[in-house]
Amino acid sequence: MKGLFSAILGAALLAGCIQAPRAPSINANGAIKWANGVSEEMHISSSGSTLTFASPQSLLSPGGITIFSRIDSARNGNCEHYYSEGAVKTRMQICDSGEVRLIVEGQVINVGSLAKYVY
């Protein structure tokens, strides 16, 4: 019985020492507030040609960086189009009004609004 207690206590202490990998950090200068209530910070390059997001971390996903690159030939009206370098069929449309659409395989899956931080 004493051995079982020691084993349980040892396992609990060891589990407390294990740390999950840290999520990458970015120097955020903007954010998107999605209609589903989620806000995502991002770094907008000075030229506006790339948007960099730190992917959220979970037990099943260690997290990482997601980069959207502008499609220069796809600008229409007051909107610019970006594609995800990690998943080419994932697109983002950002309009001058601040409206944002996330598009996966041609279907709009989320909409939101863009906010640029002013320092």
PDB file of N, CA and C in Angstrom:
ATOM      1  N   MET A   1       0.822  -1.189   0.000  1.00  0.00           N
ATOM      2  CA  MET A   1       0.000   0.000   0.000  1.00  0.00           C
ATOM      3  C   MET A   1       0.867   1.255   0.000  1.00  0.00           C
ATOM      4  N   LYS A   2       1.936   1.216   0.802  1.00  0.00           N
ATOM      5  CA  LYS A   2       2.839   2.354   0.870  1.00  0.00           C
ATOM      6  C   LYS A   2       3.528   2.561  -0.485  1.00  0.00           C
ATOM      7  N   GLY A   3       3.861   1.454  -1.174  1.00  0.00           N
ATOM      8  CA  GLY A   3       4.493   1.537  -2.498  1.00  0.00           C
ATOM      9  C   GLY A   3       3.557   2.137  -3.531  1.00  0.00           C
ATOM     10  N   LEU A   4       2.266   1.789  -3.465  1.00  0.00           N
ATOM     11  CA  LEU A   4       1.281   2.325  -4.395  1.00  0.00           C
ATOM     12  C   LEU A   4       1.130   3.832  -4.200  1.00  0.00           C
ATOM     13  N   PHE A   5       1.086   4.248  -2.940  1.00  0.00           N
ATOM     14  CA  PHE A   5       0.981   5.683  -2.635  1.00  0.00           C
ATOM     15  C   PHE A   5       2.199   6.431  -3.168  1.00  0.00           C
ATOM     16  N   SER A   6       3.375   5.872  -2.982  1.00  0.00           N
ATOM     17  CA  SER A   6       4.612   6.501  -3.465  1.00  0.00           C
ATOM     18  C   SER A   6       4.607   6.599  -4.987  1.00  0.00           C
ATOM     19  N   ALA A   7       4.118   5.543  -5.649  1.00  0.00           N
ATOM     20  CA  ALA A   7       4.078   5.548  -7.110  1.00  0.00           C
ATOM     21  C   ALA A   7       3.118   6.620  -7.621  1.00  0.00           C
ATOM     22  N   ILE A   8       1.960   6.744  -6.987  1.00  0.00           N
ATOM     23  CA  ILE A   8       0.979   7.746  -7.404  1.00  0.00           C
ATOM     24  C   ILE A   8       1.513   9.148  -7.152  1.00  0.00           C
ATOM     25  N   LEU A   9       2.126   9.363  -6.005  1.00  0.00           N
ATOM     26  CA  LEU A   9       2.690  10.668  -5.681  1.00  0.00           C
ATOM     27  C   LEU A   9       3.817  11.015  -6.642  1.00  0.00           C
ATOM     28  N   GLY A  10       4.666  10.054  -6.948  1.00  0.00           N
ATOM     29  CA  GLY A  10       5.768  10.282  -7.888  1.00  0.00           C
ATOM     30  C   GLY A  10       5.262  10.622  -9.275  1.00  0.00           C
ATOM     31  N   ALA A  11       4.225   9.910  -9.744  1.00  0.00           N
ATOM     32  CA  ALA A  11       3.651  10.191 -11.058  1.00  0.00           C
ATOM     33  C   ALA A  11       3.027  11.577 -11.106  1.00  0.00           C
ATOM     34  N   ALA A  12       2.363  11.969 -10.034  1.00  0.00           N
ATOM     35  CA  ALA A  12       1.736  13.289  -9.988  1.00  0.00           C
ATOM     36  C   ALA A  12       2.802  14.381 -10.021  1.00  0.00           C
ATOM     37  N   LEU A  13       3.884  14.206  -9.287  1.00  0.00           N
ATOM     38  CA  LEU A  13       4.952  15.199  -9.287  1.00  0.00           C
ATOM     39  C   LEU A  13       5.631  15.276 -10.645  1.00  0.00           C
ATOM     40  N   LEU A  14       5.853  14.121 -11.269  1.00  0.00           N
ATOM     41  CA  LEU A  14       6.482  14.095 -12.580  1.00  0.00           C
ATOM     42  C   LEU A  14       5.593  14.764 -13.625  1.00  0.00           C
ATOM     43  N   ALA A  15       4.296  14.530 -13.573  1.00  0.00           N
ATOM     44  CA  ALA A  15       3.368  15.142 -14.525  1.00  0.00           C
ATOM     45  C   ALA A  15       3.371  16.659 -14.382  1.00  0.00           C
ATOM     46  N   GLY A  16       3.580  17.150 -13.181  1.00  0.00           N
ATOM     47  CA  GLY A  16       3.631  18.593 -12.950  1.00  0.00           C
ATOM     48  C   GLY A  16       4.881  19.230 -13.524  1.00  0.00           C
ATOM     49  N   CYS A  17       5.928  18.451 -13.734  1.00  0.00           N
ATOM     50  CA  CYS A  17       7.185  18.980 -14.264  1.00  0.00           C
ATOM     51  C   CYS A  17       7.227  18.998 -15.783  1.00  0.00           C
ATOM     52  N   ILE A  18       6.365  18.262 -16.416  1.00  0.00           N
ATOM     53  CA  ILE A  18       6.354  18.202 -17.875  1.00  0.00           C
ATOM     54  C   ILE A  18       5.713  19.471 -18.409  1.00  0.00           C
ATOM     55  N   GLN A  19       6.392  20.111 -19.346  1.00  0.00           N
ATOM     56  CA  GLN A  19       5.851  21.327 -19.936  1.00  0.00           C
ATOM     57  C   GLN A  19       5.590  21.099 -21.413  1.00  0.00           C
ATOM     58  N   ALA A  20       4.474  21.601 -21.849  1.00  0.00           N
ATOM     59  CA  ALA A  20       4.132  21.513 -23.271  1.00  0.00           C
ATOM     60  C   ALA A  20       5.025  22.476 -24.041  1.00  0.00           C
ATOM     61  N   PRO A  21       5.273  22.209 -25.313  1.00  0.00           N
ATOM     62  CA  PRO A  21       6.077  23.136 -26.101  1.00  0.00           C
ATOM     63  C   PRO A  21       5.412  24.504 -26.169  1.00  0.00           C
ATOM     64  N   ARG A  22       6.225  25.542 -26.207  1.00  0.00           N
ATOM     65  CA  ARG A  22       5.693  26.900 -26.239  1.00  0.00           C
ATOM     66  C   ARG A  22       5.192  27.236 -27.638  1.00  0.00           C
ATOM     67  N   ALA A  23       4.118  27.981 -27.660  1.00  0.00           N
ATOM     68  CA  ALA A  23       3.595  28.451 -28.943  1.00  0.00           C
ATOM     69  C   ALA A  23       4.526  29.540 -29.462  1.00  0.00           C
ATOM     70  N   PRO A  24       4.689  29.636 -30.762  1.00  0.00           N
ATOM     71  CA  PRO A  24       5.538  30.696 -31.300  1.00  0.00           C
ATOM     72  C   PRO A  24       4.923  32.053 -31.002  1.00  0.00           C
ATOM     73  N   SER A  25       5.768  33.040 -30.886  1.00  0.00           N
ATOM     74  CA  SER A  25       5.247  34.386 -30.651  1.00  0.00           C
ATOM     75  C   SER A  25       5.564  35.238 -31.869  1.00  0.00           C
ATOM     76  N   ILE A  26       4.707  36.190 -32.115  1.00  0.00           N
ATOM     77  CA  ILE A  26       4.900  37.110 -33.229  1.00  0.00           C
ATOM     78  C   ILE A  26       4.783  38.528 -32.701  1.00  0.00           C
ATOM     79  N   ASN A  27       5.334  39.464 -33.418  1.00  0.00           N
ATOM     80  CA  ASN A  27       5.214  40.877 -33.081  1.00  0.00           C
ATOM     81  C   ASN A  27       3.946  41.389 -33.755  1.00  0.00           C
ATOM     82  N   ALA A  28       2.826  41.226 -33.083  1.00  0.00           N
ATOM     83  CA  ALA A  28       1.519  41.537 -33.684  1.00  0.00           C
ATOM     84  C   ALA A  28       1.344  43.038 -33.874  1.00  0.00           C
ATOM     85  N   ASN A  29       0.859  43.403 -35.060  1.00  0.00           N
ATOM     86  CA  ASN A  29       0.522  44.802 -35.333  1.00  0.00           C
ATOM     87  C   ASN A  29      -0.894  44.915 -35.911  1.00  0.00           C
ATOM     88  N   GLY A  30      -1.651  43.828 -35.775  1.00  0.00           N
ATOM     89  CA  GLY A  30      -3.034  43.822 -36.233  1.00  0.00           C
ATOM     90  C   GLY A  30      -3.768  42.608 -35.701  1.00  0.00           C
ATOM     91  N   ALA A  31      -5.062  42.590 -35.911  1.00  0.00           N
ATOM     92  CA  ALA A  31      -5.869  41.461 -35.443  1.00  0.00           C
ATOM     93  C   ALA A  31      -7.124  41.346 -36.302  1.00  0.00           C
ATOM     94  N   ILE A  32      -7.687  40.157 -36.291  1.00  0.00           N
ATOM     95  CA  ILE A  32      -8.979  39.931 -36.937  1.00  0.00           C
ATOM     96  C   ILE A  32      -9.951  39.475 -35.862  1.00  0.00           C
ATOM     97  N   LYS A  33     -11.073  40.155 -35.773  1.00  0.00           N
ATOM     98  CA  LYS A  33     -12.154  39.760 -34.863  1.00  0.00           C
ATOM     99  C   LYS A  33     -13.171  39.027 -35.722  1.00  0.00           C
ATOM    100  N   TRP A  34     -13.233  37.691 -35.546  1.00  0.00           N
ATOM    101  CA  TRP A  34     -14.122  36.858 -36.351  1.00  0.00           C
ATOM    102  C   TRP A  34     -15.544  36.916 -35.815  1.00  0.00           C
ATOM    103  N   ALA A  35     -16.504  36.643 -36.675  1.00  0.00           N
ATOM    104  CA  ALA A  35     -17.920  36.663 -36.314  1.00  0.00           C
ATOM    105  C   ALA A  35     -18.249  35.636 -35.235  1.00  0.00           C
ATOM    106  N   ASN A  36     -17.449  34.546 -35.156  1.00  0.00           N
ATOM    107  CA  ASN A  36     -17.709  33.533 -34.132  1.00  0.00           C
ATOM    108  C   ASN A  36     -17.150  33.924 -32.768  1.00  0.00           C
ATOM    109  N   GLY A  37     -16.626  35.168 -32.643  1.00  0.00           N
ATOM    110  CA  GLY A  37     -16.158  35.671 -31.357  1.00  0.00           C
ATOM    111  C   GLY A  37     -14.674  35.497 -31.101  1.00  0.00           C
ATOM    112  N   VAL A  38     -13.985  34.781 -31.964  1.00  0.00           N
ATOM    113  CA  VAL A  38     -12.546  34.547 -31.794  1.00  0.00           C
ATOM    114  C   VAL A  38     -11.772  35.722 -32.374  1.00  0.00           C
ATOM    115  N   SER A  39     -10.750  36.173 -31.657  1.00  0.00           N
ATOM    116  CA  SER A  39      -9.846  37.203 -32.159  1.00  0.00           C
ATOM    117  C   SER A  39      -8.489  36.570 -32.401  1.00  0.00           C
ATOM    118  N   GLU A  40      -7.884  36.884 -33.544  1.00  0.00           N
ATOM    119  CA  GLU A  40      -6.567  36.359 -33.870  1.00  0.00           C
ATOM    120  C   GLU A  40      -5.629  37.511 -34.164  1.00  0.00           C
ATOM    121  N   GLU A  41      -4.523  37.569 -33.422  1.00  0.00           N
ATOM    122  CA  GLU A  41      -3.517  38.580 -33.685  1.00  0.00           C
ATOM    123  C   GLU A  41      -2.636  38.128 -34.840  1.00  0.00           C
ATOM    124  N   MET A  42      -2.085  39.106 -35.551  1.00  0.00           N
ATOM    125  CA  MET A  42      -1.233  38.787 -36.689  1.00  0.00           C
ATOM    126  C   MET A  42      -0.208  39.891 -36.880  1.00  0.00           C
ATOM    127  N   HIS A  43       0.806  39.565 -37.673  1.00  0.00           N
ATOM    128  CA  HIS A  43       1.792  40.563 -38.072  1.00  0.00           C
ATOM    129  C   HIS A  43       1.575  40.845 -39.552  1.00  0.00           C
ATOM    130  N   ILE A  44       1.338  42.099 -39.877  1.00  0.00           N
ATOM    131  CA  ILE A  44       1.164  42.527 -41.261  1.00  0.00           C
ATOM    132  C   ILE A  44       2.501  43.099 -41.710  1.00  0.00           C
ATOM    133  N   SER A  45       3.075  42.541 -42.791  1.00  0.00           N
ATOM    134  CA  SER A  45       4.365  43.044 -43.265  1.00  0.00           C
ATOM    135  C   SER A  45       4.223  44.505 -43.687  1.00  0.00           C
ATOM    136  N   SER A  46       5.344  45.226 -43.688  1.00  0.00           N
ATOM    137  CA  SER A  46       5.291  46.651 -44.013  1.00  0.00           C
ATOM    138  C   SER A  46       4.763  46.899 -45.423  1.00  0.00           C
ATOM    139  N   SER A  47       4.994  45.961 -46.339  1.00  0.00           N
ATOM    140  CA  SER A  47       4.474  46.099 -47.706  1.00  0.00           C
ATOM    141  C   SER A  47       3.030  45.612 -47.819  1.00  0.00           C
ATOM    142  N   GLY A  48       2.547  44.905 -46.810  1.00  0.00           N
ATOM    143  CA  GLY A  48       1.202  44.335 -46.849  1.00  0.00           C
ATOM    144  C   GLY A  48       1.134  43.059 -47.664  1.00  0.00           C
ATOM    145  N   SER A  49       2.289  42.531 -48.068  1.00  0.00           N
ATOM    146  CA  SER A  49       2.284  41.348 -48.930  1.00  0.00           C
ATOM    147  C   SER A  49       2.151  40.043 -48.167  1.00  0.00           C
ATOM    148  N   THR A  50       2.423  40.047 -46.863  1.00  0.00           N
ATOM    149  CA  THR A  50       2.253  38.827 -46.067  1.00  0.00           C
ATOM    150  C   THR A  50       1.557  39.136 -44.749  1.00  0.00           C
ATOM    151  N   LEU A  51       0.769  38.159 -44.297  1.00  0.00           N
ATOM    152  CA  LEU A  51       0.109  38.195 -42.992  1.00  0.00           C
ATOM    153  C   LEU A  51       0.598  36.965 -42.242  1.00  0.00           C
ATOM    154  N   THR A  52       1.137  37.150 -41.053  1.00  0.00           N
ATOM    155  CA  THR A  52       1.695  36.037 -40.287  1.00  0.00           C
ATOM    156  C   THR A  52       0.886  35.846 -39.007  1.00  0.00           C
ATOM    157  N   PHE A  53       0.440  34.616 -38.791  1.00  0.00           N
ATOM    158  CA  PHE A  53      -0.349  34.253 -37.614  1.00  0.00           C
ATOM    159  C   PHE A  53       0.412  33.227 -36.796  1.00  0.00           C
ATOM    160  N   ALA A  54       0.328  33.309 -35.477  1.00  0.00           N
ATOM    161  CA  ALA A  54       0.831  32.248 -34.608  1.00  0.00           C
ATOM    162  C   ALA A  54      -0.322  31.285 -34.391  1.00  0.00           C
ATOM    163  N   SER A  55      -0.142  30.050 -34.835  1.00  0.00           N
ATOM    164  CA  SER A  55      -1.208  29.051 -34.709  1.00  0.00           C
ATOM    165  C   SER A  55      -1.382  28.663 -33.253  1.00  0.00           C
ATOM    166  N   PRO A  56      -2.618  28.469 -32.806  1.00  0.00           N
ATOM    167  CA  PRO A  56      -2.846  28.099 -31.412  1.00  0.00           C
ATOM    168  C   PRO A  56      -2.274  26.727 -31.087  1.00  0.00           C
ATOM    169  N   GLN A  57      -1.916  26.553 -29.840  1.00  0.00           N
ATOM    170  CA  GLN A  57      -1.332  25.305 -29.360  1.00  0.00           C
ATOM    171  C   GLN A  57      -2.377  24.486 -28.620  1.00  0.00           C
ATOM    172  N   SER A  58      -2.317  23.175 -28.794  1.00  0.00           N
ATOM    173  CA  SER A  58      -3.170  22.264 -28.036  1.00  0.00           C
ATOM    174  C   SER A  58      -2.380  20.995 -27.781  1.00  0.00           C
ATOM    175  N   LEU A  59      -2.979  20.066 -27.074  1.00  0.00           N
ATOM    176  CA  LEU A  59      -2.277  18.814 -26.804  1.00  0.00           C
ATOM    177  C   LEU A  59      -1.999  18.036 -28.083  1.00  0.00           C
ATOM    178  N   LEU A  60      -2.890  18.148 -29.064  1.00  0.00           N
ATOM    179  CA  LEU A  60      -2.736  17.391 -30.297  1.00  0.00           C
ATOM    180  C   LEU A  60      -1.940  18.140 -31.361  1.00  0.00           C
ATOM    181  N   SER A  61      -1.809  19.442 -31.213  1.00  0.00           N
ATOM    182  CA  SER A  61      -1.101  20.253 -32.194  1.00  0.00           C
ATOM    183  C   SER A  61      -0.105  21.157 -31.481  1.00  0.00           C
ATOM    184  N   PRO A  62       1.178  21.062 -31.810  1.00  0.00           N
ATOM    185  CA  PRO A  62       2.172  21.872 -31.116  1.00  0.00           C
ATOM    186  C   PRO A  62       2.130  23.351 -31.478  1.00  0.00           C
ATOM    187  N   GLY A  63       1.385  23.723 -32.486  1.00  0.00           N
ATOM    188  CA  GLY A  63       1.308  25.122 -32.890  1.00  0.00           C
ATOM    189  C   GLY A  63       2.427  25.456 -33.858  1.00  0.00           C
ATOM    190  N   GLY A  64       2.318  26.574 -34.480  1.00  0.00           N
ATOM    191  CA  GLY A  64       3.321  26.986 -35.442  1.00  0.00           C
ATOM    192  C   GLY A  64       2.968  28.321 -36.040  1.00  0.00           C
ATOM    193  N   ILE A  65       3.581  28.620 -37.154  1.00  0.00           N
ATOM    194  CA  ILE A  65       3.366  29.878 -37.848  1.00  0.00           C
ATOM    195  C   ILE A  65       2.570  29.591 -39.121  1.00  0.00           C
ATOM    196  N   THR A  66       1.561  30.414 -39.379  1.00  0.00           N
ATOM    197  CA  THR A  66       0.803  30.333 -40.629  1.00  0.00           C
ATOM    198  C   THR A  66       1.006  31.641 -41.375  1.00  0.00           C
ATOM    199  N   ILE A  67       1.422  31.543 -42.628  1.00  0.00           N
ATOM    200  CA  ILE A  67       1.687  32.729 -43.434  1.00  0.00           C
ATOM    201  C   ILE A  67       0.719  32.764 -44.611  1.00  0.00           C
ATOM    202  N   PHE A  68       0.058  33.896 -44.772  1.00  0.00           N
ATOM    203  CA  PHE A  68      -0.777  34.151 -45.939  1.00  0.00           C
ATOM    204  C   PHE A  68      -0.029  35.153 -46.808  1.00  0.00           C
ATOM    205  N   SER A  69       0.105  34.845 -48.092  1.00  0.00           N
ATOM    206  CA  SER A  69       0.782  35.725 -49.047  1.00  0.00           C
ATOM    207  C   SER A  69      -0.231  36.334 -50.003  1.00  0.00           C
ATOM    208  N   ARG A  70      -0.013  37.600 -50.337  1.00  0.00           N
ATOM    209  CA  ARG A  70      -0.935  38.305 -51.231  1.00  0.00           C
ATOM    210  C   ARG A  70      -0.812  37.773 -52.652  1.00  0.00           C
ATOM    211  N   ILE A  71      -1.949  37.641 -53.314  1.00  0.00           N
ATOM    212  CA  ILE A  71      -1.990  37.279 -54.729  1.00  0.00           C
ATOM    213  C   ILE A  71      -2.126  38.594 -55.481  1.00  0.00           C
ATOM    214  N   ASP A  72      -1.001  39.117 -55.971  1.00  0.00           N
ATOM    215  CA  ASP A  72      -0.999  40.450 -56.576  1.00  0.00           C
ATOM    216  C   ASP A  72      -1.906  40.564 -57.789  1.00  0.00           C
ATOM    217  N   SER A  73      -2.054  39.488 -58.549  1.00  0.00           N
ATOM    218  CA  SER A  73      -2.866  39.546 -59.768  1.00  0.00           C
ATOM    219  C   SER A  73      -4.358  39.376 -59.497  1.00  0.00           C
ATOM    220  N   ALA A  74      -4.736  39.137 -58.235  1.00  0.00           N
ATOM    221  CA  ALA A  74      -6.144  38.837 -57.935  1.00  0.00           C
ATOM    222  C   ALA A  74      -6.893  39.986 -57.276  1.00  0.00           C
ATOM    223  N   ARG A  75      -6.315  41.169 -57.220  1.00  0.00           N
ATOM    224  CA  ARG A  75      -7.012  42.302 -56.592  1.00  0.00           C
ATOM    225  C   ARG A  75      -8.223  42.670 -57.446  1.00  0.00           C
ATOM    226  N   ASN A  76      -9.370  42.818 -56.781  1.00  0.00           N
ATOM    227  CA  ASN A  76     -10.559  43.274 -57.501  1.00  0.00           C
ATOM    228  C   ASN A  76     -11.244  44.347 -56.677  1.00  0.00           C
ATOM    229  N   GLY A  77     -11.479  45.459 -57.284  1.00  0.00           N
ATOM    230  CA  GLY A  77     -12.113  46.563 -56.567  1.00  0.00           C
ATOM    231  C   GLY A  77     -11.288  46.999 -55.380  1.00  0.00           C
ATOM    232  N   ASN A  78     -11.911  47.021 -54.231  1.00  0.00           N
ATOM    233  CA  ASN A  78     -11.247  47.461 -53.004  1.00  0.00           C
ATOM    234  C   ASN A  78     -10.812  46.299 -52.124  1.00  0.00           C
ATOM    235  N   CYS A  79     -10.657  45.105 -52.700  1.00  0.00           N
ATOM    236  CA  CYS A  79     -10.309  43.919 -51.911  1.00  0.00           C
ATOM    237  C   CYS A  79      -9.010  43.288 -52.411  1.00  0.00           C
ATOM    238  N   GLU A  80      -8.242  42.762 -51.467  1.00  0.00           N
ATOM    239  CA  GLU A  80      -7.023  42.023 -51.796  1.00  0.00           C
ATOM    240  C   GLU A  80      -7.221  40.574 -51.391  1.00  0.00           C
ATOM    241  N   HIS A  81      -6.568  39.673 -52.115  1.00  0.00           N
ATOM    242  CA  HIS A  81      -6.697  38.245 -51.870  1.00  0.00           C
ATOM    243  C   HIS A  81      -5.357  37.676 -51.424  1.00  0.00           C
ATOM    244  N   TYR A  82      -5.413  36.784 -50.449  1.00  0.00           N
ATOM    245  CA  TYR A  82      -4.224  36.119 -49.917  1.00  0.00           C
ATOM    246  C   TYR A  82      -4.461  34.615 -49.929  1.00  0.00           C
ATOM    247  N   TYR A  83      -3.375  33.839 -50.024  1.00  0.00           N
ATOM    248  CA  TYR A  83      -3.471  32.384 -49.910  1.00  0.00           C
ATOM    249  C   TYR A  83      -2.554  31.913 -48.794  1.00  0.00           C
ATOM    250  N   SER A  84      -2.935  30.820 -48.162  1.00  0.00           N
ATOM    251  CA  SER A  84      -2.117  30.231 -47.102  1.00  0.00           C
ATOM    252  C   SER A  84      -0.996  29.431 -47.744  1.00  0.00           C
ATOM    253  N   GLU A  85       0.241  29.704 -47.353  1.00  0.00           N
ATOM    254  CA  GLU A  85       1.373  28.972 -47.920  1.00  0.00           C
ATOM    255  C   GLU A  85       1.368  27.512 -47.486  1.00  0.00           C
ATOM    256  N   GLY A  86       0.713  27.193 -46.374  1.00  0.00           N
ATOM    257  CA  GLY A  86       0.648  25.818 -45.893  1.00  0.00           C
ATOM    258  C   GLY A  86      -0.531  25.030 -46.428  1.00  0.00           C
ATOM    259  N   ALA A  87      -1.553  25.721 -46.881  1.00  0.00           N
ATOM    260  CA  ALA A  87      -2.761  25.065 -47.407  1.00  0.00           C
ATOM    261  C   ALA A  87      -3.291  25.951 -48.528  1.00  0.00           C
ATOM    262  N   VAL A  88      -2.841  25.698 -49.748  1.00  0.00           N
ATOM    263  CA  VAL A  88      -3.092  26.584 -50.886  1.00  0.00           C
ATOM    264  C   VAL A  88      -4.581  26.815 -51.141  1.00  0.00           C
ATOM    265  N   LYS A  89      -5.428  25.866 -50.786  1.00  0.00           N
ATOM    266  CA  LYS A  89      -6.869  26.040 -51.023  1.00  0.00           C
ATOM    267  C   LYS A  89      -7.541  26.889 -49.957  1.00  0.00           C
ATOM    268  N   THR A  90      -6.753  27.391 -49.001  1.00  0.00           N
ATOM    269  CA  THR A  90      -7.277  28.295 -47.976  1.00  0.00           C
ATOM    270  C   THR A  90      -6.910  29.711 -48.380  1.00  0.00           C
ATOM    271  N   ARG A  91      -7.910  30.547 -48.526  1.00  0.00           N
ATOM    272  CA  ARG A  91      -7.724  31.928 -48.981  1.00  0.00           C
ATOM    273  C   ARG A  91      -8.307  32.898 -47.966  1.00  0.00           C
ATOM    274  N   MET A  92      -7.853  34.132 -48.053  1.00  0.00           N
ATOM    275  CA  MET A  92      -8.397  35.195 -47.227  1.00  0.00           C
ATOM    276  C   MET A  92      -8.597  36.411 -48.122  1.00  0.00           C
ATOM    277  N   GLN A  93      -9.742  37.042 -47.987  1.00  0.00           N
ATOM    278  CA  GLN A  93     -10.039  38.254 -48.743  1.00  0.00           C
ATOM    279  C   GLN A  93     -10.170  39.390 -47.738  1.00  0.00           C
ATOM    280  N   ILE A  94      -9.421  40.460 -47.952  1.00  0.00           N
ATOM    281  CA  ILE A  94      -9.463  41.615 -47.058  1.00  0.00           C
ATOM    282  C   ILE A  94      -9.790  42.845 -47.889  1.00  0.00           C
ATOM    283  N   CYS A  95     -10.846  43.536 -47.496  1.00  0.00           N
ATOM    284  CA  CYS A  95     -11.289  44.724 -48.226  1.00  0.00           C
ATOM    285  C   CYS A  95     -10.871  45.991 -47.487  1.00  0.00           C
ATOM    286  N   ASP A  96     -10.808  47.100 -48.236  1.00  0.00           N
ATOM    287  CA  ASP A  96     -10.422  48.380 -47.648  1.00  0.00           C
ATOM    288  C   ASP A  96     -11.327  48.775 -46.482  1.00  0.00           C
ATOM    289  N   SER A  97     -12.565  48.322 -46.492  1.00  0.00           N
ATOM    290  CA  SER A  97     -13.512  48.631 -45.414  1.00  0.00           C
ATOM    291  C   SER A  97     -13.159  47.902 -44.115  1.00  0.00           C
ATOM    292  N   GLY A  98     -12.222  46.927 -44.186  1.00  0.00           N
ATOM    293  CA  GLY A  98     -11.848  46.134 -43.021  1.00  0.00           C
ATOM    294  C   GLY A  98     -12.547  44.796 -42.965  1.00  0.00           C
ATOM    295  N   GLU A  99     -13.444  44.544 -43.910  1.00  0.00           N
ATOM    296  CA  GLU A  99     -14.137  43.255 -43.949  1.00  0.00           C
ATOM    297  C   GLU A  99     -13.158  42.156 -44.361  1.00  0.00           C
ATOM    298  N   VAL A 100     -13.227  41.022 -43.642  1.00  0.00           N
ATOM    299  CA  VAL A 100     -12.348  39.883 -43.910  1.00  0.00           C
ATOM    300  C   VAL A 100     -13.211  38.652 -44.140  1.00  0.00           C
ATOM    301  N   ARG A 101     -12.852  37.861 -45.159  1.00  0.00           N
ATOM    302  CA  ARG A 101     -13.523  36.588 -45.421  1.00  0.00           C
ATOM    303  C   ARG A 101     -12.469  35.496 -45.458  1.00  0.00           C
ATOM    304  N   LEU A 102     -12.716  34.401 -44.738  1.00  0.00           N
ATOM    305  CA  LEU A 102     -11.854  33.231 -44.792  1.00  0.00           C
ATOM    306  C   LEU A 102     -12.554  32.210 -45.679  1.00  0.00           C
ATOM    307  N   ILE A 103     -11.846  31.754 -46.719  1.00  0.00           N
ATOM    308  CA  ILE A 103     -12.429  30.891 -47.745  1.00  0.00           C
ATOM    309  C   ILE A 103     -11.621  29.608 -47.828  1.00  0.00           C
ATOM    310  N   VAL A 104     -12.294  28.462 -47.721  1.00  0.00           N
ATOM    311  CA  VAL A 104     -11.638  27.161 -47.858  1.00  0.00           C
ATOM    312  C   VAL A 104     -12.331  26.409 -48.979  1.00  0.00           C
ATOM    313  N   GLU A 105     -11.554  26.039 -49.989  1.00  0.00           N
ATOM    314  CA  GLU A 105     -12.055  25.316 -51.163  1.00  0.00           C
ATOM    315  C   GLU A 105     -13.281  26.000 -51.763  1.00  0.00           C
ATOM    316  N   GLY A 106     -13.218  27.318 -51.877  1.00  0.00           N
ATOM    317  CA  GLY A 106     -14.284  28.085 -52.514  1.00  0.00           C
ATOM    318  C   GLY A 106     -15.467  28.430 -51.634  1.00  0.00           C
ATOM    319  N   GLN A 107     -15.499  27.934 -50.397  1.00  0.00           N
ATOM    320  CA  GLN A 107     -16.616  28.194 -49.480  1.00  0.00           C
ATOM    321  C   GLN A 107     -16.189  29.181 -48.393  1.00  0.00           C
ATOM    322  N   VAL A 108     -16.990  30.215 -48.176  1.00  0.00           N
ATOM    323  CA  VAL A 108     -16.723  31.149 -47.080  1.00  0.00           C
ATOM    324  C   VAL A 108     -17.036  30.433 -45.774  1.00  0.00           C
ATOM    325  N   ILE A 109     -16.028  30.303 -44.895  1.00  0.00           N
ATOM    326  CA  ILE A 109     -16.257  29.600 -43.631  1.00  0.00           C
ATOM    327  C   ILE A 109     -16.285  30.527 -42.430  1.00  0.00           C
ATOM    328  N   ASN A 110     -15.812  31.776 -42.598  1.00  0.00           N
ATOM    329  CA  ASN A 110     -15.863  32.732 -41.501  1.00  0.00           C
ATOM    330  C   ASN A 110     -15.707  34.132 -42.068  1.00  0.00           C
ATOM    331  N   VAL A 111     -16.305  35.092 -41.395  1.00  0.00           N
ATOM    332  CA  VAL A 111     -16.159  36.498 -41.752  1.00  0.00           C
ATOM    333  C   VAL A 111     -15.793  37.271 -40.499  1.00  0.00           C
ATOM    334  N   GLY A 112     -15.160  38.411 -40.718  1.00  0.00           N
ATOM    335  CA  GLY A 112     -14.756  39.204 -39.557  1.00  0.00           C
ATOM    336  C   GLY A 112     -14.343  40.597 -39.983  1.00  0.00           C
ATOM    337  N   SER A 113     -13.678  41.281 -39.042  1.00  0.00           N
ATOM    338  CA  SER A 113     -13.215  42.640 -39.330  1.00  0.00           C
ATOM    339  C   SER A 113     -11.761  42.779 -38.903  1.00  0.00           C
ATOM    340  N   LEU A 114     -11.028  43.567 -39.678  1.00  0.00           N
ATOM    341  CA  LEU A 114      -9.603  43.791 -39.479  1.00  0.00           C
ATOM    342  C   LEU A 114      -9.376  45.008 -38.605  1.00  0.00           C
ATOM    343  N   ALA A 115      -8.425  44.895 -37.695  1.00  0.00           N
ATOM    344  CA  ALA A 115      -8.013  46.034 -36.887  1.00  0.00           C
ATOM    345  C   ALA A 115      -6.497  46.114 -36.952  1.00  0.00           C
ATOM    346  N   LYS A 116      -5.979  47.308 -37.303  1.00  0.00           N
ATOM    347  CA  LYS A 116      -4.531  47.543 -37.299  1.00  0.00           C
ATOM    348  C   LYS A 116      -4.195  48.336 -36.047  1.00  0.00           C
ATOM    349  N   TYR A 117      -3.163  47.871 -35.360  1.00  0.00           N
ATOM    350  CA  TYR A 117      -2.730  48.568 -34.152  1.00  0.00           C
ATOM    351  C   TYR A 117      -1.963  49.838 -34.540  1.00  0.00           C
ATOM    352  N   VAL A 118      -2.140  50.883 -33.760  1.00  0.00           N
ATOM    353  CA  VAL A 118      -1.412  52.130 -33.963  1.00  0.00           C
ATOM    354  C   VAL A 118      -0.509  52.321 -32.757  1.00  0.00           C
ATOM    355  N   TYR A 119       0.771  52.482 -33.029  1.00  0.00           N
ATOM    356  CA  TYR A 119       1.740  52.654 -31.934  1.00  0.00           C
ATOM    357  C   TYR A 119       2.180  54.072 -31.825  1.00  0.00           C
TER     358      TYR A 119
END
